Amino acid sequence: MVSPNRDLNLTEIENILHHLNYRWNLEALALWKGEKLPFEPYRIYEGYENFLDLNTLSYIDVLEDRVTKTRLRYTLIDHYLQRALLPHETEMRSWMQRSAAHVKKLVDS
């Protein structure tokens, strides 16, 4: 987990983003296979709140390697948005688990 107000270097940022990508892929694979998720979906970003902020983005924006900067920038933005939308997705999943569809069978003419 990331402590607040900590200066991160490039390797640490890459490792954290790789770890967050891995967590999302674990969740997607479990859902695809119909298995239990390895952790609660709302906990995917637990401990990373201080990492997913403008300070990290500012550090990435001053990198000289354009390819690395672009890759890390958009990965961070993706996780930032996922974290912002997670409560809404969790609510939708909860609602979908309780919902049921009533389908009327059409009679062949």
N, C-alpha and C. Protein backbone atom coordinates (compact mmCIF):
# COMPACT_ATOMS: atom_id res chain seq x y z
N MET A 1 0.83 -1.17 0.00
CA MET A 1 0.00 0.00 0.00
C MET A 1 0.88 1.24 0.00
N VAL A 2 0.28 2.34 -0.39
CA VAL A 2 1.04 3.57 -0.55
C VAL A 2 0.75 4.51 0.62
N SER A 3 1.82 5.04 1.22
CA SER A 3 1.63 5.98 2.32
C SER A 3 1.43 7.39 1.78
N PRO A 4 0.73 8.24 2.52
CA PRO A 4 0.46 9.60 2.05
C PRO A 4 1.72 10.45 1.95
N ASN A 5 1.69 11.42 1.03
CA ASN A 5 2.77 12.39 0.85
C ASN A 5 4.13 11.74 0.65
N ARG A 6 4.16 10.67 -0.04
CA ARG A 6 5.41 9.96 -0.28
C ARG A 6 5.87 10.24 -1.69
N ASP A 7 7.12 10.56 -1.86
CA ASP A 7 7.69 10.74 -3.19
C ASP A 7 7.92 9.37 -3.80
N LEU A 8 7.37 9.16 -4.98
CA LEU A 8 7.51 7.89 -5.67
C LEU A 8 8.48 8.05 -6.83
N ASN A 9 9.16 6.98 -7.16
CA ASN A 9 10.00 7.04 -8.36
C ASN A 9 9.29 6.27 -9.48
N LEU A 10 9.88 6.31 -10.64
CA LEU A 10 9.27 5.72 -11.83
C LEU A 10 9.00 4.23 -11.64
N THR A 11 9.95 3.51 -11.09
CA THR A 11 9.78 2.07 -10.90
C THR A 11 8.62 1.77 -9.96
N GLU A 12 8.50 2.52 -8.88
CA GLU A 12 7.40 2.31 -7.94
C GLU A 12 6.05 2.59 -8.61
N ILE A 13 5.97 3.63 -9.40
CA ILE A 13 4.72 3.95 -10.10
C ILE A 13 4.37 2.83 -11.07
N GLU A 14 5.35 2.37 -11.83
CA GLU A 14 5.09 1.27 -12.76
C GLU A 14 4.63 0.01 -12.03
N ASN A 15 5.27 -0.30 -10.91
CA ASN A 15 4.91 -1.50 -10.15
C ASN A 15 3.50 -1.40 -9.56
N ILE A 16 3.16 -0.24 -9.03
CA ILE A 16 1.82 -0.06 -8.46
C ILE A 16 0.75 -0.17 -9.54
N LEU A 17 0.97 0.47 -10.68
CA LEU A 17 -0.01 0.40 -11.76
C LEU A 17 -0.11 -1.02 -12.30
N HIS A 18 1.01 -1.73 -12.38
CA HIS A 18 0.99 -3.12 -12.80
C HIS A 18 0.16 -3.96 -11.82
N HIS A 19 0.37 -3.72 -10.54
CA HIS A 19 -0.38 -4.45 -9.50
C HIS A 19 -1.88 -4.17 -9.62
N LEU A 20 -2.25 -2.91 -9.82
CA LEU A 20 -3.67 -2.57 -9.96
C LEU A 20 -4.26 -3.20 -11.21
N ASN A 21 -3.52 -3.21 -12.32
CA ASN A 21 -3.98 -3.89 -13.53
C ASN A 21 -4.18 -5.38 -13.27
N TYR A 22 -3.26 -5.98 -12.53
CA TYR A 22 -3.35 -7.39 -12.19
C TYR A 22 -4.61 -7.69 -11.38
N ARG A 23 -4.90 -6.82 -10.43
CA ARG A 23 -6.11 -7.01 -9.61
C ARG A 23 -7.37 -6.96 -10.46
N TRP A 24 -7.42 -6.00 -11.40
CA TRP A 24 -8.58 -5.91 -12.28
C TRP A 24 -8.69 -7.15 -13.16
N ASN A 25 -7.55 -7.63 -13.66
CA ASN A 25 -7.58 -8.83 -14.50
C ASN A 25 -8.01 -10.06 -13.71
N LEU A 26 -7.59 -10.16 -12.45
CA LEU A 26 -8.05 -11.27 -11.60
C LEU A 26 -9.57 -11.24 -11.44
N GLU A 27 -10.10 -10.06 -11.22
CA GLU A 27 -11.55 -9.92 -11.07
C GLU A 27 -12.26 -10.29 -12.37
N ALA A 28 -11.77 -9.78 -13.50
CA ALA A 28 -12.39 -10.07 -14.79
C ALA A 28 -12.35 -11.58 -15.10
N LEU A 29 -11.23 -12.21 -14.81
CA LEU A 29 -11.10 -13.65 -15.05
C LEU A 29 -12.06 -14.44 -14.18
N ALA A 30 -12.17 -14.07 -12.92
CA ALA A 30 -13.09 -14.77 -12.01
C ALA A 30 -14.53 -14.61 -12.48
N LEU A 31 -14.90 -13.41 -12.90
CA LEU A 31 -16.26 -13.19 -13.41
C LEU A 31 -16.50 -14.01 -14.67
N TRP A 32 -15.53 -14.05 -15.56
CA TRP A 32 -15.66 -14.79 -16.81
C TRP A 32 -15.82 -16.28 -16.55
N LYS A 33 -15.08 -16.79 -15.56
CA LYS A 33 -15.15 -18.21 -15.23
C LYS A 33 -16.32 -18.55 -14.31
N GLY A 34 -17.02 -17.52 -13.83
CA GLY A 34 -18.14 -17.75 -12.93
C GLY A 34 -17.70 -18.16 -11.54
N GLU A 35 -16.51 -17.77 -11.15
CA GLU A 35 -15.97 -18.12 -9.84
C GLU A 35 -16.13 -16.96 -8.87
N LYS A 36 -15.91 -17.27 -7.61
CA LYS A 36 -15.96 -16.24 -6.58
C LYS A 36 -14.78 -15.29 -6.77
N LEU A 37 -15.03 -14.00 -6.59
CA LEU A 37 -13.98 -13.02 -6.74
C LEU A 37 -12.93 -13.19 -5.64
N PRO A 38 -11.66 -12.94 -5.95
CA PRO A 38 -10.61 -13.14 -4.95
C PRO A 38 -10.66 -12.11 -3.81
N PHE A 39 -11.40 -11.03 -4.00
CA PHE A 39 -11.58 -10.01 -2.97
C PHE A 39 -12.86 -9.26 -3.29
N GLU A 40 -13.37 -8.54 -2.33
CA GLU A 40 -14.58 -7.76 -2.54
C GLU A 40 -14.30 -6.66 -3.55
N PRO A 41 -15.17 -6.45 -4.54
CA PRO A 41 -14.91 -5.45 -5.58
C PRO A 41 -14.66 -4.04 -5.03
N TYR A 42 -15.33 -3.68 -3.96
CA TYR A 42 -15.15 -2.33 -3.43
C TYR A 42 -13.78 -2.15 -2.76
N ARG A 43 -13.04 -3.23 -2.59
CA ARG A 43 -11.72 -3.15 -1.93
C ARG A 43 -10.57 -3.14 -2.92
N ILE A 44 -10.84 -3.08 -4.19
CA ILE A 44 -9.77 -3.17 -5.19
C ILE A 44 -8.77 -2.03 -5.07
N TYR A 45 -9.23 -0.85 -4.65
CA TYR A 45 -8.34 0.30 -4.53
C TYR A 45 -8.04 0.67 -3.07
N GLU A 46 -8.41 -0.20 -2.16
CA GLU A 46 -8.16 0.07 -0.75
C GLU A 46 -6.66 0.18 -0.50
N GLY A 47 -6.24 1.29 0.08
CA GLY A 47 -4.83 1.53 0.34
C GLY A 47 -4.12 2.30 -0.74
N TYR A 48 -4.79 2.54 -1.85
CA TYR A 48 -4.17 3.26 -2.97
C TYR A 48 -4.79 4.64 -3.20
N GLU A 49 -5.59 5.10 -2.25
CA GLU A 49 -6.27 6.39 -2.41
C GLU A 49 -5.28 7.53 -2.59
N ASN A 50 -4.16 7.50 -1.87
CA ASN A 50 -3.17 8.57 -1.95
C ASN A 50 -2.31 8.48 -3.20
N PHE A 51 -2.32 7.34 -3.85
CA PHE A 51 -1.57 7.18 -5.09
C PHE A 51 -2.35 7.71 -6.28
N LEU A 52 -3.65 7.47 -6.27
CA LEU A 52 -4.49 7.87 -7.40
C LEU A 52 -4.92 9.33 -7.24
N ASP A 53 -3.96 10.22 -7.43
CA ASP A 53 -4.25 11.65 -7.26
C ASP A 53 -3.44 12.50 -8.24
N LEU A 54 -3.61 13.79 -8.14
CA LEU A 54 -2.94 14.71 -9.06
C LEU A 54 -1.44 14.78 -8.83
N ASN A 55 -0.97 14.48 -7.63
CA ASN A 55 0.48 14.50 -7.39
C ASN A 55 1.18 13.43 -8.22
N THR A 56 0.60 12.25 -8.29
CA THR A 56 1.19 11.18 -9.09
C THR A 56 1.12 11.55 -10.57
N LEU A 57 0.01 12.11 -10.98
CA LEU A 57 -0.13 12.54 -12.37
C LEU A 57 0.89 13.63 -12.71
N SER A 58 1.13 14.54 -11.80
CA SER A 58 2.13 15.60 -12.02
C SER A 58 3.53 15.01 -12.19
N TYR A 59 3.84 13.99 -11.39
CA TYR A 59 5.14 13.33 -11.51
C TYR A 59 5.27 12.68 -12.88
N ILE A 60 4.22 12.01 -13.31
CA ILE A 60 4.24 11.33 -14.62
C ILE A 60 4.38 12.35 -15.74
N ASP A 61 3.71 13.48 -15.62
CA ASP A 61 3.72 14.49 -16.69
C ASP A 61 5.08 15.12 -16.95
N VAL A 62 6.01 15.03 -16.00
CA VAL A 62 7.34 15.60 -16.23
C VAL A 62 8.35 14.58 -16.75
N LEU A 63 7.92 13.35 -16.96
CA LEU A 63 8.82 12.34 -17.52
C LEU A 63 9.22 12.73 -18.93
N GLU A 64 10.44 12.42 -19.30
CA GLU A 64 10.94 12.79 -20.62
C GLU A 64 10.61 11.76 -21.69
N ASP A 65 10.56 10.51 -21.32
CA ASP A 65 10.23 9.45 -22.29
C ASP A 65 8.74 9.54 -22.63
N ARG A 66 8.46 9.98 -23.84
CA ARG A 66 7.08 10.24 -24.25
C ARG A 66 6.20 8.99 -24.23
N VAL A 67 6.75 7.88 -24.67
CA VAL A 67 5.98 6.63 -24.71
C VAL A 67 5.63 6.19 -23.28
N THR A 68 6.60 6.21 -22.39
CA THR A 68 6.36 5.83 -21.00
C THR A 68 5.38 6.79 -20.35
N LYS A 69 5.57 8.07 -20.60
CA LYS A 69 4.68 9.07 -20.01
C LYS A 69 3.24 8.84 -20.45
N THR A 70 3.03 8.62 -21.73
CA THR A 70 1.67 8.40 -22.25
C THR A 70 1.05 7.14 -21.66
N ARG A 71 1.83 6.06 -21.63
CA ARG A 71 1.31 4.78 -21.11
C ARG A 71 0.92 4.90 -19.63
N LEU A 72 1.81 5.46 -18.83
CA LEU A 72 1.53 5.59 -17.40
C LEU A 72 0.41 6.59 -17.12
N ARG A 73 0.40 7.67 -17.88
CA ARG A 73 -0.62 8.72 -17.68
C ARG A 73 -2.02 8.15 -17.88
N TYR A 74 -2.22 7.45 -19.00
CA TYR A 74 -3.55 6.93 -19.28
C TYR A 74 -3.92 5.76 -18.39
N THR A 75 -2.94 4.99 -17.96
CA THR A 75 -3.23 3.91 -17.01
C THR A 75 -3.67 4.48 -15.68
N LEU A 76 -2.97 5.52 -15.21
CA LEU A 76 -3.36 6.17 -13.95
C LEU A 76 -4.75 6.79 -14.07
N ILE A 77 -5.01 7.48 -15.17
CA ILE A 77 -6.33 8.10 -15.37
C ILE A 77 -7.42 7.03 -15.40
N ASP A 78 -7.13 5.91 -16.05
CA ASP A 78 -8.10 4.81 -16.11
C ASP A 78 -8.45 4.31 -14.71
N HIS A 79 -7.43 4.09 -13.89
CA HIS A 79 -7.69 3.62 -12.51
C HIS A 79 -8.37 4.70 -11.67
N TYR A 80 -8.02 5.94 -11.89
CA TYR A 80 -8.66 7.04 -11.17
C TYR A 80 -10.16 7.05 -11.46
N LEU A 81 -10.51 6.93 -12.75
CA LEU A 81 -11.93 6.93 -13.13
C LEU A 81 -12.64 5.67 -12.65
N GLN A 82 -11.98 4.51 -12.74
CA GLN A 82 -12.56 3.27 -12.23
C GLN A 82 -12.89 3.42 -10.74
N ARG A 83 -11.96 4.00 -9.99
CA ARG A 83 -12.17 4.18 -8.55
C ARG A 83 -13.34 5.13 -8.29
N ALA A 84 -13.46 6.17 -9.11
CA ALA A 84 -14.56 7.13 -8.94
C ALA A 84 -15.91 6.49 -9.25
N LEU A 85 -15.93 5.58 -10.22
CA LEU A 85 -17.19 4.97 -10.65
C LEU A 85 -17.52 3.68 -9.90
N LEU A 86 -16.57 3.16 -9.14
CA LEU A 86 -16.76 1.88 -8.46
C LEU A 86 -18.01 1.81 -7.58
N PRO A 87 -18.33 2.83 -6.79
CA PRO A 87 -19.55 2.73 -5.98
C PRO A 87 -20.81 2.55 -6.83
N HIS A 88 -20.84 3.19 -7.97
CA HIS A 88 -22.01 3.07 -8.85
C HIS A 88 -22.08 1.68 -9.49
N GLU A 89 -20.92 1.15 -9.87
CA GLU A 89 -20.89 -0.19 -10.44
C GLU A 89 -21.28 -1.24 -9.41
N THR A 90 -20.82 -1.07 -8.18
CA THR A 90 -21.17 -2.00 -7.11
C THR A 90 -22.67 -2.00 -6.85
N GLU A 91 -23.25 -0.81 -6.86
CA GLU A 91 -24.70 -0.71 -6.67
C GLU A 91 -25.44 -1.39 -7.82
N MET A 92 -24.97 -1.20 -9.05
CA MET A 92 -25.61 -1.82 -10.21
C MET A 92 -25.50 -3.35 -10.13
N ARG A 93 -24.32 -3.86 -9.76
CA ARG A 93 -24.16 -5.32 -9.64
C ARG A 93 -25.09 -5.88 -8.58
N SER A 94 -25.20 -5.19 -7.47
CA SER A 94 -26.08 -5.63 -6.40
C SER A 94 -27.53 -5.68 -6.88
N TRP A 95 -27.93 -4.65 -7.60
CA TRP A 95 -29.29 -4.60 -8.13
C TRP A 95 -29.51 -5.73 -9.14
N MET A 96 -28.52 -5.97 -10.01
CA MET A 96 -28.66 -6.99 -11.04
C MET A 96 -28.74 -8.40 -10.44
N GLN A 97 -28.07 -8.63 -9.32
CA GLN A 97 -28.12 -9.95 -8.70
C GLN A 97 -29.51 -10.25 -8.14
N ARG A 98 -30.23 -9.20 -7.76
CA ARG A 98 -31.57 -9.39 -7.19
C ARG A 98 -32.66 -9.32 -8.26
N SER A 99 -32.33 -8.86 -9.44
CA SER A 99 -33.37 -8.67 -10.46
C SER A 99 -33.63 -9.97 -11.21
N ALA A 100 -34.79 -10.04 -11.76
CA ALA A 100 -35.17 -11.19 -12.57
C ALA A 100 -36.00 -10.69 -13.75
N ALA A 101 -35.81 -11.33 -14.85
CA ALA A 101 -36.56 -10.93 -16.04
C ALA A 101 -37.69 -11.92 -16.28
N HIS A 102 -38.84 -11.38 -16.63
CA HIS A 102 -39.98 -12.21 -17.02
C HIS A 102 -40.13 -12.09 -18.52
N VAL A 103 -39.89 -13.21 -19.20
CA VAL A 103 -39.87 -13.23 -20.65
C VAL A 103 -41.11 -13.97 -21.14
N LYS A 104 -41.84 -13.35 -22.03
CA LYS A 104 -43.02 -13.96 -22.60
C LYS A 104 -42.61 -14.67 -23.88
N LYS A 105 -42.92 -15.97 -23.96
CA LYS A 105 -42.55 -16.74 -25.12
C LYS A 105 -43.51 -16.42 -26.26
N LEU A 106 -42.91 -16.13 -27.40
CA LEU A 106 -43.71 -15.86 -28.58
C LEU A 106 -44.10 -17.18 -29.24
N VAL A 107 -45.36 -17.27 -29.65
CA VAL A 107 -45.86 -18.47 -30.28
C VAL A 107 -45.57 -18.39 -31.77
N ASP A 108 -44.99 -19.47 -32.31
CA ASP A 108 -44.71 -19.51 -33.75
C ASP A 108 -46.01 -19.54 -34.53
N SER A 109 -46.09 -18.73 -35.55
CA SER A 109 -47.32 -18.68 -36.36
C SER A 109 -47.31 -19.68 -37.47
